[in-house]
Each structure stands twice: as structure tokens, then as C-alpha cells.
Amino acid sequence: MEGKIAIIGDGDSIMVFRAAGVATFAAENEAKAREVLRKVAKDYQIIFLTEELAKPLTEFLKRFDEEPYPVVLSIPSKSGSTGLGTELLKSAMERALGVDILFNN
């Protein structure tokens, strides 16, 4: 599992990651994303998930907070950012550190 990175998202959003050597997994909806995430979580340390797919999976994604790996990170898709990735990062920092050191809001 050492250093393995994957991304799950719609085909257009993940294409550029494939060119960079990242393992890509297409998912057109929440159900498919959940299924793919369950499979790849065993083999990858870092998993990027597009925001459109991460939003409906928020509760499901909390199970990954309990273990050091995999780290599941929400990123913008080709459509742009919804702000979810920033919100989740802020929340994780506040849980871990007890204070917001990056966003200061």
C-alpha cells in the first residue's frame, strides 16, 4: 500500500490525474462512488473524491476518520469548487488541533 494514490470521480474530472500516474476510478453517482470507495480503501493510502460525490457520502466518509489510512480528501471537479473540501479540511483541523489555524474564521 505504500504511497498509493487514487481518485474517484466523473470521467472528465479524473482524466488529468490519469495522465499524472494516479489510479483513477470513474463513478457517475453516489452508489457507484460508495462501491468503488469500499474496494479501493483496502489498497490505497490517499483517495481523492470529487466534491459532487463526497457531499452525499458525508456520513459514510466519517468511518475513515477512525483509521490513519486511507486518507479521503474531497477535491473540486471540472465544474469547480462547492466549498465542501475546504469545509471538511477546516473541520478535521479543528478536531485534531482544537483550533482553526489556517482559515481563522
PDB file of N, CA and C in Angstrom:
ATOM      1  N   MET A   1       0.807  -1.191   0.000  1.00  0.00           N
ATOM      2  CA  MET A   1       0.000   0.000   0.000  1.00  0.00           C
ATOM      3  C   MET A   1       0.856   1.264   0.000  1.00  0.00           C
ATOM      4  N   GLU A   2       2.103   1.177   0.120  1.00  0.00           N
ATOM      5  CA  GLU A   2       2.987   2.321   0.300  1.00  0.00           C
ATOM      6  C   GLU A   2       2.863   3.356  -0.806  1.00  0.00           C
ATOM      7  N   GLY A   3       2.416   4.573  -0.420  1.00  0.00           N
ATOM      8  CA  GLY A   3       2.381   5.694  -1.337  1.00  0.00           C
ATOM      9  C   GLY A   3       1.366   5.626  -2.450  1.00  0.00           C
ATOM     10  N   LYS A   4       0.407   4.746  -2.366  1.00  0.00           N
ATOM     11  CA  LYS A   4      -0.546   4.601  -3.448  1.00  0.00           C
ATOM     12  C   LYS A   4      -1.653   5.645  -3.340  1.00  0.00           C
ATOM     13  N   ILE A   5      -1.920   6.310  -4.487  1.00  0.00           N
ATOM     14  CA  ILE A   5      -2.918   7.369  -4.551  1.00  0.00           C
ATOM     15  C   ILE A   5      -3.955   7.035  -5.603  1.00  0.00           C
ATOM     16  N   ALA A   6      -5.220   7.321  -5.281  1.00  0.00           N
ATOM     17  CA  ALA A   6      -6.314   7.089  -6.217  1.00  0.00           C
ATOM     18  C   ALA A   6      -7.249   8.287  -6.224  1.00  0.00           C
ATOM     19  N   ILE A   7      -8.028   8.391  -7.279  1.00  0.00           N
ATOM     20  CA  ILE A   7      -9.076   9.403  -7.347  1.00  0.00           C
ATOM     21  C   ILE A   7     -10.349   8.761  -7.875  1.00  0.00           C
ATOM     22  N   ILE A   8     -11.472   9.179  -7.282  1.00  0.00           N
ATOM     23  CA  ILE A   8     -12.783   8.697  -7.704  1.00  0.00           C
ATOM     24  C   ILE A   8     -13.593   9.919  -8.120  1.00  0.00           C
ATOM     25  N   GLY A   9     -14.167   9.861  -9.306  1.00  0.00           N
ATOM     26  CA  GLY A   9     -14.969  10.983  -9.774  1.00  0.00           C
ATOM     27  C   GLY A   9     -15.516  10.722 -11.157  1.00  0.00           C
ATOM     28  N   ASP A  10     -16.161  11.746 -11.720  1.00  0.00           N
ATOM     29  CA  ASP A  10     -16.681  11.597 -13.076  1.00  0.00           C
ATOM     30  C   ASP A  10     -15.514  11.539 -14.059  1.00  0.00           C
ATOM     31  N   GLY A  11     -15.742  10.929 -15.197  1.00  0.00           N
ATOM     32  CA  GLY A  11     -14.686  10.681 -16.175  1.00  0.00           C
ATOM     33  C   GLY A  11     -13.882  11.900 -16.577  1.00  0.00           C
ATOM     34  N   ASP A  12     -14.551  13.018 -16.830  1.00  0.00           N
ATOM     35  CA  ASP A  12     -13.840  14.218 -17.259  1.00  0.00           C
ATOM     36  C   ASP A  12     -12.963  14.797 -16.152  1.00  0.00           C
ATOM     37  N   SER A  13     -13.427  14.746 -14.927  1.00  0.00           N
ATOM     38  CA  SER A  13     -12.684  15.331 -13.804  1.00  0.00           C
ATOM     39  C   SER A  13     -11.439  14.535 -13.441  1.00  0.00           C
ATOM     40  N   ILE A  14     -11.442  13.242 -13.681  1.00  0.00           N
ATOM     41  CA  ILE A  14     -10.306  12.411 -13.265  1.00  0.00           C
ATOM     42  C   ILE A  14      -9.284  12.172 -14.366  1.00  0.00           C
ATOM     43  N   MET A  15      -9.615  12.560 -15.585  1.00  0.00           N
ATOM     44  CA  MET A  15      -8.743  12.303 -16.739  1.00  0.00           C
ATOM     45  C   MET A  15      -7.331  12.849 -16.541  1.00  0.00           C
ATOM     46  N   VAL A  16      -7.204  14.070 -16.062  1.00  0.00           N
ATOM     47  CA  VAL A  16      -5.893  14.685 -15.902  1.00  0.00           C
ATOM     48  C   VAL A  16      -5.052  13.934 -14.860  1.00  0.00           C
ATOM     49  N   PHE A  17      -5.694  13.355 -13.868  1.00  0.00           N
ATOM     50  CA  PHE A  17      -4.969  12.601 -12.844  1.00  0.00           C
ATOM     51  C   PHE A  17      -4.371  11.320 -13.435  1.00  0.00           C
ATOM     52  N   ARG A  18      -5.097  10.712 -14.349  1.00  0.00           N
ATOM     53  CA  ARG A  18      -4.589   9.510 -15.017  1.00  0.00           C
ATOM     54  C   ARG A  18      -3.289   9.842 -15.746  1.00  0.00           C
ATOM     55  N   ALA A  19      -3.252  10.987 -16.399  1.00  0.00           N
ATOM     56  CA  ALA A  19      -2.048  11.407 -17.120  1.00  0.00           C
ATOM     57  C   ALA A  19      -0.881  11.618 -16.171  1.00  0.00           C
ATOM     58  N   ALA A  20      -1.179  11.923 -14.909  1.00  0.00           N
ATOM     59  CA  ALA A  20      -0.128  12.141 -13.906  1.00  0.00           C
ATOM     60  C   ALA A  20       0.266  10.852 -13.187  1.00  0.00           C
ATOM     61  N   GLY A  21      -0.330   9.730 -13.566  1.00  0.00           N
ATOM     62  CA  GLY A  21       0.038   8.452 -12.973  1.00  0.00           C
ATOM     63  C   GLY A  21      -0.773   8.043 -11.755  1.00  0.00           C
ATOM     64  N   VAL A  22      -1.846   8.772 -11.463  1.00  0.00           N
ATOM     65  CA  VAL A  22      -2.710   8.436 -10.327  1.00  0.00           C
ATOM     66  C   VAL A  22      -3.735   7.401 -10.793  1.00  0.00           C
ATOM     67  N   ALA A  23      -4.017   6.417  -9.953  1.00  0.00           N
ATOM     68  CA  ALA A  23      -5.044   5.420 -10.280  1.00  0.00           C
ATOM     69  C   ALA A  23      -6.404   6.113 -10.293  1.00  0.00           C
ATOM     70  N   THR A  24      -7.150   5.960 -11.363  1.00  0.00           N
ATOM     71  CA  THR A  24      -8.434   6.643 -11.500  1.00  0.00           C
ATOM     72  C   THR A  24      -9.575   5.629 -11.534  1.00  0.00           C
ATOM     73  N   PHE A  25     -10.677   6.016 -10.898  1.00  0.00           N
ATOM     74  CA  PHE A  25     -11.865   5.167 -10.851  1.00  0.00           C
ATOM     75  C   PHE A  25     -13.081   6.042 -11.135  1.00  0.00           C
ATOM     76  N   ALA A  26     -13.765   5.749 -12.223  1.00  0.00           N
ATOM     77  CA  ALA A  26     -14.931   6.531 -12.611  1.00  0.00           C
ATOM     78  C   ALA A  26     -16.149   6.123 -11.787  1.00  0.00           C
ATOM     79  N   ALA A  27     -16.910   7.112 -11.373  1.00  0.00           N
ATOM     80  CA  ALA A  27     -18.159   6.880 -10.648  1.00  0.00           C
ATOM     81  C   ALA A  27     -19.127   7.981 -11.066  1.00  0.00           C
ATOM     82  N   GLU A  28     -20.250   7.578 -11.605  1.00  0.00           N
ATOM     83  CA  GLU A  28     -21.207   8.554 -12.118  1.00  0.00           C
ATOM     84  C   GLU A  28     -22.268   8.965 -11.102  1.00  0.00           C
ATOM     85  N   ASN A  29     -22.302   8.274  -9.957  1.00  0.00           N
ATOM     86  CA  ASN A  29     -23.301   8.617  -8.940  1.00  0.00           C
ATOM     87  C   ASN A  29     -22.826   8.177  -7.556  1.00  0.00           C
ATOM     88  N   GLU A  30     -23.616   8.535  -6.559  1.00  0.00           N
ATOM     89  CA  GLU A  30     -23.278   8.238  -5.161  1.00  0.00           C
ATOM     90  C   GLU A  30     -23.125   6.748  -4.892  1.00  0.00           C
ATOM     91  N   ALA A  31     -24.031   5.938  -5.417  1.00  0.00           N
ATOM     92  CA  ALA A  31     -23.987   4.492  -5.173  1.00  0.00           C
ATOM     93  C   ALA A  31     -22.712   3.873  -5.734  1.00  0.00           C
ATOM     94  N   LYS A  32     -22.354   4.268  -6.954  1.00  0.00           N
ATOM     95  CA  LYS A  32     -21.142   3.740  -7.576  1.00  0.00           C
ATOM     96  C   LYS A  32     -19.903   4.225  -6.816  1.00  0.00           C
ATOM     97  N   ALA A  33     -19.906   5.472  -6.378  1.00  0.00           N
ATOM     98  CA  ALA A  33     -18.767   6.012  -5.625  1.00  0.00           C
ATOM     99  C   ALA A  33     -18.572   5.257  -4.319  1.00  0.00           C
ATOM    100  N   ARG A  34     -19.658   4.958  -3.635  1.00  0.00           N
ATOM    101  CA  ARG A  34     -19.581   4.198  -2.376  1.00  0.00           C
ATOM    102  C   ARG A  34     -18.988   2.810  -2.631  1.00  0.00           C
ATOM    103  N   GLU A  35     -19.459   2.156  -3.684  1.00  0.00           N
ATOM    104  CA  GLU A  35     -18.981   0.820  -4.037  1.00  0.00           C
ATOM    105  C   GLU A  35     -17.484   0.839  -4.361  1.00  0.00           C
ATOM    106  N   VAL A  36     -17.073   1.798  -5.185  1.00  0.00           N
ATOM    107  CA  VAL A  36     -15.666   1.910  -5.570  1.00  0.00           C
ATOM    108  C   VAL A  36     -14.811   2.253  -4.357  1.00  0.00           C
ATOM    109  N   LEU A  37     -15.280   3.152  -3.524  1.00  0.00           N
ATOM    110  CA  LEU A  37     -14.526   3.552  -2.338  1.00  0.00           C
ATOM    111  C   LEU A  37     -14.289   2.372  -1.404  1.00  0.00           C
ATOM    112  N   ARG A  38     -15.295   1.549  -1.217  1.00  0.00           N
ATOM    113  CA  ARG A  38     -15.121   0.346  -0.377  1.00  0.00           C
ATOM    114  C   ARG A  38     -14.024  -0.558  -0.913  1.00  0.00           C
ATOM    115  N   LYS A  39     -13.975  -0.711  -2.234  1.00  0.00           N
ATOM    116  CA  LYS A  39     -12.971  -1.589  -2.849  1.00  0.00           C
ATOM    117  C   LYS A  39     -11.565  -1.003  -2.773  1.00  0.00           C
ATOM    118  N   VAL A  40     -11.414   0.272  -3.121  1.00  0.00           N
ATOM    119  CA  VAL A  40     -10.071   0.844  -3.204  1.00  0.00           C
ATOM    120  C   VAL A  40      -9.497   1.229  -1.844  1.00  0.00           C
ATOM    121  N   ALA A  41     -10.345   1.352  -0.822  1.00  0.00           N
ATOM    122  CA  ALA A  41      -9.876   1.740   0.510  1.00  0.00           C
ATOM    123  C   ALA A  41      -8.873   0.742   1.079  1.00  0.00           C
ATOM    124  N   LYS A  42      -8.932  -0.488   0.619  1.00  0.00           N
ATOM    125  CA  LYS A  42      -8.017  -1.524   1.108  1.00  0.00           C
ATOM    126  C   LYS A  42      -6.620  -1.412   0.513  1.00  0.00           C
ATOM    127  N   ASP A  43      -6.519  -0.756  -0.644  1.00  0.00           N
ATOM    128  CA  ASP A  43      -5.263  -0.775  -1.385  1.00  0.00           C
ATOM    129  C   ASP A  43      -4.570   0.576  -1.552  1.00  0.00           C
ATOM    130  N   TYR A  44      -5.217   1.663  -1.151  1.00  0.00           N
ATOM    131  CA  TYR A  44      -4.651   2.987  -1.385  1.00  0.00           C
ATOM    132  C   TYR A  44      -4.559   3.769  -0.081  1.00  0.00           C
ATOM    133  N   GLN A  45      -3.491   4.552   0.055  1.00  0.00           N
ATOM    134  CA  GLN A  45      -3.297   5.360   1.259  1.00  0.00           C
ATOM    135  C   GLN A  45      -4.026   6.693   1.174  1.00  0.00           C
ATOM    136  N   ILE A  46      -4.040   7.283  -0.010  1.00  0.00           N
ATOM    137  CA  ILE A  46      -4.703   8.565  -0.209  1.00  0.00           C
ATOM    138  C   ILE A  46      -5.723   8.400  -1.327  1.00  0.00           C
ATOM    139  N   ILE A  47      -6.952   8.810  -1.038  1.00  0.00           N
ATOM    140  CA  ILE A  47      -8.018   8.716  -2.036  1.00  0.00           C
ATOM    141  C   ILE A  47      -8.662  10.085  -2.161  1.00  0.00           C
ATOM    142  N   PHE A  48      -8.609  10.631  -3.367  1.00  0.00           N
ATOM    143  CA  PHE A  48      -9.299  11.880  -3.660  1.00  0.00           C
ATOM    144  C   PHE A  48     -10.689  11.532  -4.171  1.00  0.00           C
ATOM    145  N   LEU A  49     -11.667  12.323  -3.770  1.00  0.00           N
ATOM    146  CA  LEU A  49     -13.059  12.106  -4.156  1.00  0.00           C
ATOM    147  C   LEU A  49     -13.626  13.461  -4.557  1.00  0.00           C
ATOM    148  N   THR A  50     -14.222  13.548  -5.743  1.00  0.00           N
ATOM    149  CA  THR A  50     -14.748  14.843  -6.173  1.00  0.00           C
ATOM    150  C   THR A  50     -15.878  15.282  -5.248  1.00  0.00           C
ATOM    151  N   GLU A  51     -16.000  16.587  -5.083  1.00  0.00           N
ATOM    152  CA  GLU A  51     -16.960  17.155  -4.138  1.00  0.00           C
ATOM    153  C   GLU A  51     -18.401  16.729  -4.408  1.00  0.00           C
ATOM    154  N   GLU A  52     -18.777  16.642  -5.676  1.00  0.00           N
ATOM    155  CA  GLU A  52     -20.150  16.238  -6.001  1.00  0.00           C
ATOM    156  C   GLU A  52     -20.480  14.854  -5.466  1.00  0.00           C
ATOM    157  N   LEU A  53     -19.488  13.976  -5.434  1.00  0.00           N
ATOM    158  CA  LEU A  53     -19.703  12.627  -4.902  1.00  0.00           C
ATOM    159  C   LEU A  53     -19.513  12.587  -3.387  1.00  0.00           C
ATOM    160  N   ALA A  54     -18.639  13.423  -2.873  1.00  0.00           N
ATOM    161  CA  ALA A  54     -18.363  13.416  -1.433  1.00  0.00           C
ATOM    162  C   ALA A  54     -19.533  13.960  -0.619  1.00  0.00           C
ATOM    163  N   LYS A  55     -20.214  14.955  -1.131  1.00  0.00           N
ATOM    164  CA  LYS A  55     -21.291  15.594  -0.365  1.00  0.00           C
ATOM    165  C   LYS A  55     -22.366  14.600   0.076  1.00  0.00           C
ATOM    166  N   PRO A  56     -22.930  13.784  -0.822  1.00  0.00           N
ATOM    167  CA  PRO A  56     -23.948  12.835  -0.351  1.00  0.00           C
ATOM    168  C   PRO A  56     -23.368  11.682   0.478  1.00  0.00           C
ATOM    169  N   LEU A  57     -22.053  11.538   0.481  1.00  0.00           N
ATOM    170  CA  LEU A  57     -21.403  10.446   1.224  1.00  0.00           C
ATOM    171  C   LEU A  57     -20.787  10.924   2.541  1.00  0.00           C
ATOM    172  N   THR A  58     -21.127  12.109   2.987  1.00  0.00           N
ATOM    173  CA  THR A  58     -20.503  12.696   4.175  1.00  0.00           C
ATOM    174  C   THR A  58     -20.543  11.759   5.380  1.00  0.00           C
ATOM    175  N   GLU A  59     -21.686  11.196   5.685  1.00  0.00           N
ATOM    176  CA  GLU A  59     -21.791  10.283   6.830  1.00  0.00           C
ATOM    177  C   GLU A  59     -20.970   9.016   6.614  1.00  0.00           C
ATOM    178  N   PHE A  60     -21.005   8.465   5.418  1.00  0.00           N
ATOM    179  CA  PHE A  60     -20.236   7.270   5.088  1.00  0.00           C
ATOM    180  C   PHE A  60     -18.728   7.540   5.236  1.00  0.00           C
ATOM    181  N   LEU A  61     -18.286   8.721   4.854  1.00  0.00           N
ATOM    182  CA  LEU A  61     -16.864   9.071   4.897  1.00  0.00           C
ATOM    183  C   LEU A  61     -16.326   9.202   6.314  1.00  0.00           C
ATOM    184  N   LYS A  62     -17.192   9.430   7.280  1.00  0.00           N
ATOM    185  CA  LYS A  62     -16.752   9.578   8.675  1.00  0.00           C
ATOM    186  C   LYS A  62     -16.076   8.316   9.199  1.00  0.00           C
ATOM    187  N   ARG A  63     -16.416   7.154   8.646  1.00  0.00           N
ATOM    188  CA  ARG A  63     -15.781   5.916   9.105  1.00  0.00           C
ATOM    189  C   ARG A  63     -14.288   5.904   8.829  1.00  0.00           C
ATOM    190  N   PHE A  64     -13.843   6.672   7.849  1.00  0.00           N
ATOM    191  CA  PHE A  64     -12.422   6.712   7.523  1.00  0.00           C
ATOM    192  C   PHE A  64     -11.640   7.615   8.478  1.00  0.00           C
ATOM    193  N   ASP A  65     -12.329   8.420   9.279  1.00  0.00           N
ATOM    194  CA  ASP A  65     -11.666   9.282  10.257  1.00  0.00           C
ATOM    195  C   ASP A  65     -11.071   8.487  11.412  1.00  0.00           C
ATOM    196  N   GLU A  66     -11.532   7.270  11.604  1.00  0.00           N
ATOM    197  CA  GLU A  66     -11.109   6.449  12.748  1.00  0.00           C
ATOM    198  C   GLU A  66      -9.755   5.776  12.541  1.00  0.00           C
ATOM    199  N   GLU A  67      -9.324   5.653  11.299  1.00  0.00           N
ATOM    200  CA  GLU A  67      -8.073   4.963  10.984  1.00  0.00           C
ATOM    201  C   GLU A  67      -7.094   5.930  10.317  1.00  0.00           C
ATOM    202  N   PRO A  68      -5.788   5.658  10.439  1.00  0.00           N
ATOM    203  CA  PRO A  68      -4.825   6.548   9.796  1.00  0.00           C
ATOM    204  C   PRO A  68      -4.878   6.480   8.266  1.00  0.00           C
ATOM    205  N   TYR A  69      -5.213   5.324   7.718  1.00  0.00           N
ATOM    206  CA  TYR A  69      -5.288   5.152   6.262  1.00  0.00           C
ATOM    207  C   TYR A  69      -6.518   4.358   5.904  1.00  0.00           C
ATOM    208  N   PRO A  70      -7.114   4.678   4.803  1.00  0.00           N
ATOM    209  CA  PRO A  70      -6.748   5.700   3.839  1.00  0.00           C
ATOM    210  C   PRO A  70      -7.217   7.080   4.286  1.00  0.00           C
ATOM    211  N   VAL A  71      -6.537   8.083   3.775  1.00  0.00           N
ATOM    212  CA  VAL A  71      -6.957   9.464   3.962  1.00  0.00           C
ATOM    213  C   VAL A  71      -7.838   9.789   2.757  1.00  0.00           C
ATOM    214  N   VAL A  72      -9.069  10.172   3.002  1.00  0.00           N
ATOM    215  CA  VAL A  72     -10.003  10.501   1.920  1.00  0.00           C
ATOM    216  C   VAL A  72     -10.178  12.014   1.901  1.00  0.00           C
ATOM    217  N   LEU A  73      -9.827  12.617   0.769  1.00  0.00           N
ATOM    218  CA  LEU A  73      -9.872  14.068   0.625  1.00  0.00           C
ATOM    219  C   LEU A  73     -10.826  14.460  -0.487  1.00  0.00           C
ATOM    220  N   SER A  74     -11.648  15.448  -0.218  1.00  0.00           N
ATOM    221  CA  SER A  74     -12.590  15.956  -1.204  1.00  0.00           C
ATOM    222  C   SER A  74     -11.926  17.063  -2.010  1.00  0.00           C
ATOM    223  N   ILE A  75     -12.061  16.980  -3.338  1.00  0.00           N
ATOM    224  CA  ILE A  75     -11.473  17.995  -4.214  1.00  0.00           C
ATOM    225  C   ILE A  75     -12.506  18.466  -5.234  1.00  0.00           C
ATOM    226  N   PRO A  76     -12.316  19.656  -5.781  1.00  0.00           N
ATOM    227  CA  PRO A  76     -13.243  20.153  -6.800  1.00  0.00           C
ATOM    228  C   PRO A  76     -13.198  19.284  -8.057  1.00  0.00           C
ATOM    229  N   SER A  77     -14.298  19.265  -8.766  1.00  0.00           N
ATOM    230  CA  SER A  77     -14.352  18.558 -10.042  1.00  0.00           C
ATOM    231  C   SER A  77     -14.171  19.561 -11.168  1.00  0.00           C
ATOM    232  N   LYS A  78     -14.383  19.132 -12.379  1.00  0.00           N
ATOM    233  CA  LYS A  78     -14.277  20.027 -13.530  1.00  0.00           C
ATOM    234  C   LYS A  78     -15.275  21.173 -13.440  1.00  0.00           C
ATOM    235  N   SER A  79     -16.336  21.004 -12.670  1.00  0.00           N
ATOM    236  CA  SER A  79     -17.367  22.029 -12.509  1.00  0.00           C
ATOM    237  C   SER A  79     -16.954  23.136 -11.544  1.00  0.00           C
ATOM    238  N   GLY A  80     -15.877  22.950 -10.812  1.00  0.00           N
ATOM    239  CA  GLY A  80     -15.422  23.942  -9.845  1.00  0.00           C
ATOM    240  C   GLY A  80     -15.709  23.516  -8.416  1.00  0.00           C
ATOM    241  N   SER A  81     -15.330  24.351  -7.489  1.00  0.00           N
ATOM    242  CA  SER A  81     -15.467  24.029  -6.077  1.00  0.00           C
ATOM    243  C   SER A  81     -16.833  24.417  -5.527  1.00  0.00           C
ATOM    244  N   THR A  82     -17.340  23.566  -4.664  1.00  0.00           N
ATOM    245  CA  THR A  82     -18.570  23.875  -3.938  1.00  0.00           C
ATOM    246  C   THR A  82     -18.245  24.368  -2.532  1.00  0.00           C
ATOM    247  N   GLY A  83     -16.974  24.310  -2.159  1.00  0.00           N
ATOM    248  CA  GLY A  83     -16.552  24.714  -0.825  1.00  0.00           C
ATOM    249  C   GLY A  83     -16.524  23.556   0.168  1.00  0.00           C
ATOM    250  N   LEU A  84     -16.996  22.382  -0.254  1.00  0.00           N
ATOM    251  CA  LEU A  84     -17.052  21.227   0.644  1.00  0.00           C
ATOM    252  C   LEU A  84     -15.666  20.797   1.106  1.00  0.00           C
ATOM    253  N   GLY A  85     -14.710  20.736   0.186  1.00  0.00           N
ATOM    254  CA  GLY A  85     -13.358  20.311   0.546  1.00  0.00           C
ATOM    255  C   GLY A  85     -12.746  21.193   1.620  1.00  0.00           C
ATOM    256  N   THR A  86     -12.911  22.492   1.475  1.00  0.00           N
ATOM    257  CA  THR A  86     -12.396  23.444   2.461  1.00  0.00           C
ATOM    258  C   THR A  86     -13.099  23.261   3.795  1.00  0.00           C
ATOM    259  N   GLU A  87     -14.407  23.090   3.746  1.00  0.00           N
ATOM    260  CA  GLU A  87     -15.200  22.891   4.966  1.00  0.00           C
ATOM    261  C   GLU A  87     -14.760  21.638   5.717  1.00  0.00           C
ATOM    262  N   LEU A  88     -14.538  20.537   4.986  1.00  0.00           N
ATOM    263  CA  LEU A  88     -14.113  19.284   5.621  1.00  0.00           C
ATOM    264  C   LEU A  88     -12.704  19.397   6.196  1.00  0.00           C
ATOM    265  N   LEU A  89     -11.820  20.081   5.482  1.00  0.00           N
ATOM    266  CA  LEU A  89     -10.456  20.282   5.971  1.00  0.00           C
ATOM    267  C   LEU A  89     -10.466  21.116   7.250  1.00  0.00           C
ATOM    268  N   LYS A  90     -11.255  22.171   7.261  1.00  0.00           N
ATOM    269  CA  LYS A  90     -11.371  23.020   8.446  1.00  0.00           C
ATOM    270  C   LYS A  90     -11.881  22.210   9.636  1.00  0.00           C
ATOM    271  N   SER A  91     -12.911  21.420   9.415  1.00  0.00           N
ATOM    272  CA  SER A  91     -13.484  20.595  10.475  1.00  0.00           C
ATOM    273  C   SER A  91     -12.467  19.595  11.020  1.00  0.00           C
ATOM    274  N   ALA A  92     -11.710  18.956  10.127  1.00  0.00           N
ATOM    275  CA  ALA A  92     -10.698  17.976  10.547  1.00  0.00           C
ATOM    276  C   ALA A  92      -9.601  18.647  11.366  1.00  0.00           C
ATOM    277  N   MET A  93      -9.191  19.845  10.950  1.00  0.00           N
ATOM    278  CA  MET A  93      -8.153  20.561  11.698  1.00  0.00           C
ATOM    279  C   MET A  93      -8.647  20.935  13.089  1.00  0.00           C
ATOM    280  N   GLU A  94      -9.870  21.402  13.169  1.00  0.00           N
ATOM    281  CA  GLU A  94     -10.413  21.786  14.472  1.00  0.00           C
ATOM    282  C   GLU A  94     -10.525  20.582  15.400  1.00  0.00           C
ATOM    283  N   ARG A  95     -10.908  19.414  14.841  1.00  0.00           N
ATOM    284  CA  ARG A  95     -10.982  18.196  15.653  1.00  0.00           C
ATOM    285  C   ARG A  95      -9.595  17.793  16.149  1.00  0.00           C
ATOM    286  N   ALA A  96      -8.614  17.849  15.256  1.00  0.00           N
ATOM    287  CA  ALA A  96      -7.272  17.383  15.592  1.00  0.00           C
ATOM    288  C   ALA A  96      -6.524  18.358  16.498  1.00  0.00           C
ATOM    289  N   LEU A  97      -6.660  19.649  16.237  1.00  0.00           N
ATOM    290  CA  LEU A  97      -5.856  20.641  16.939  1.00  0.00           C
ATOM    291  C   LEU A  97      -6.628  21.446  17.981  1.00  0.00           C
ATOM    292  N   GLY A  98      -7.946  21.432  17.869  1.00  0.00           N
ATOM    293  CA  GLY A  98      -8.751  22.204  18.790  1.00  0.00           C
ATOM    294  C   GLY A  98      -8.880  23.671  18.400  1.00  0.00           C
ATOM    295  N   VAL A  99      -8.290  24.037  17.269  1.00  0.00           N
ATOM    296  CA  VAL A  99      -8.322  25.440  16.820  1.00  0.00           C
ATOM    297  C   VAL A  99      -8.169  25.480  15.300  1.00  0.00           C
ATOM    298  N   ASP A 100      -8.713  26.510  14.694  1.00  0.00           N
ATOM    299  CA  ASP A 100      -8.605  26.707  13.243  1.00  0.00           C
ATOM    300  C   ASP A 100      -7.355  27.556  12.976  1.00  0.00           C
ATOM    301  N   ILE A 101      -6.276  26.937  12.508  1.00  0.00           N
ATOM    302  CA  ILE A 101      -5.024  27.672  12.314  1.00  0.00           C
ATOM    303  C   ILE A 101      -4.844  28.210  10.893  1.00  0.00           C
ATOM    304  N   LEU A 102      -5.621  27.722   9.932  1.00  0.00           N
ATOM    305  CA  LEU A 102      -5.459  28.166   8.552  1.00  0.00           C
ATOM    306  C   LEU A 102      -6.483  29.189   8.109  1.00  0.00           C
ATOM    307  N   PHE A 103      -7.721  29.002   8.479  1.00  0.00           N
ATOM    308  CA  PHE A 103      -8.778  29.832   7.925  1.00  0.00           C
ATOM    309  C   PHE A 103      -9.181  30.993   8.835  1.00  0.00           C
ATOM    310  N   ASN A 104      -8.951  30.861  10.131  1.00  0.00           N
ATOM    311  CA  ASN A 104      -9.220  31.920  11.110  1.00  0.00           C
ATOM    312  C   ASN A 104     -10.593  32.565  10.971  1.00  0.00           C
ATOM    313  N   ASN A 105     -11.612  31.762  10.773  1.00  0.00           N
ATOM    314  CA  ASN A 105     -12.980  32.289  10.668  1.00  0.00           C
ATOM    315  C   ASN A 105     -13.764  31.961  11.908  1.00  0.00           C
TER     316      ASN A 105
END
